[in-house]
Amino acid sequence: MSTTRRYSLSSAATSPLAGYADPFELGPMQHHQHPYLHQQQQLRLSLRRGPDSSLRHLDQELSVLGLPGLFLTASADELNVSALASACQQLVALYHRSRDAREALEDKNRRLESELRDSRRAEQRLQETARDAASQSAGLRERERRLDERGRRLNDQLREARDEAKRLNQQLQQRDTQHRHERRKLSKEADRLRERLQAGLSNSLGPVRLSCIEVLNQLPRADGRRAAWARVSSTNAAAVAPLSRLTASDDRAHYSSLLAQSDQAQIPKFQRNYQAQLESRQAELAAENQELRDSLFRVHRQLRELQLLSLASAEQDENAEADANGDPADEEELHENLLKLPYQLLKDRLDRQLKAGCDRLRTRLGQPGARGRSADGGGGPAAVAGAGSSASNGEDSVMMQEQMRQLKERLSSYEELMHRQEQLIKRSLAASSGT
């Protein structure tokens, strides 16, 4: 059971320092400026003035802290020791709590400082990243600007190239149109000159009979007809042959130019293939026709040589036979240039000459009496040759007749083939002009 000890406090005069002034006493203005220093000074002053002052000051501080007072009465004459002990314990507990709180605050402060340093470093890194991103963004914007400028420049170049291509295309079309017009004019002028030349030649050579080819499709001529060839007589065949050959070649060139002028882009593919086949077939037929004409000329020349050889065996009766049948040497020869004319113009002439030659040769070979008379006459080297060959006259006549028969068959086949080729060439020309 605690006992309360009571101590009576004497007045301030009993303190040994009561009569001395405190050199640390502060003024009233300094108390508000430094509260901690004020408390320390009050504690020192109370200690210097005596235990009574110290206890009173301690009692005031305890009352401020909310602790019970040290004195039993309001007059502060009796001191309560148990209250003083409990106050000391509470003060110690408050001190420990305050120290723990202060340590916690210090730890928290240290953590906050470390977090602050980390946040500052992170902020620095973010600032550096932001600066790098800003520099990269500036570089990308500059690159985008350059690319935009290059794109505009390329668009301008493309527009200029398109304009240039359009201008060149227009110039090409204009020149193409102009060239076509000039070519058409030149073609018409050439046709007129050819007609005038042919008319003048016809007037100079006398009345001739003209042969024309009817064309079903439209041709670029005023009368719608193809150029005509003149059928000339044997007297002026040599003079007309070069001109006729020139006219035919010019007509073929004219048809080729007409085909070249047609717009190939508008013709379907199968028509172009058909036209190419027709052209190749036409070239083959022309080559065959030329070969047949050459063969016909060789046959005619061989027949003439055979006639001349047969005349050598009957030189004595040459005048009489010339008066009766006509002399083959005096008869006009089939000129090579005449074979280059169309077949329709030469058909009658070739038939007449070949038949006449074969008849004369057959007549010569079928007259053994004439050969005998010429051999009996004995008037020259030709008669000697005829007499030397009289022994084999029968065999030679049989062989000659066989050769003549073969030649006639070949000639008839050649004529028929030439006629067919002529018809095919006409059809191919008509089909090509129609397409």
Foldseek 3Di string as FASTA:
>chain_A
DDDWDWAFDDDLVVQPQSVPDDPPDDDPVVCVVDVVVVLVVQCVVQVNSHPLSNLVSVQVVCVVVVAHGQADDPVRGIGGVVSVVVSVVVVVVVVVVVVVVVVVVVVVVVVVVVVVVVVVVVVVVVVVVVVVVVVVVVVVVVVVVVVVVVVVVVVVVVVVVVVVVVVVVVVVVVVVVVVVVVVLVVVQVVVVVLVVVVVVVCVVQDPWDKDFDQFPDADSYDVRGQDIDTQHDPVCCVVCLVVQLVSVVVSVVVLVVVLVPDDPVPDDPVLVVVLVVLVVVLVVLVVVLVVLLVVLLVLLVVLVVLLVLLCLLQVVCQVVVCVVLNDPVPDDGDDSSSSSHQCVSCVVVSVVSLVSSLVSSLVSLPCLVSSVVLLVVPDDPSSVVSVVCSVCSVVVSVVVVVVSVVSVVVVVVSSVSSVVSSVSSVVSSSSSSVD
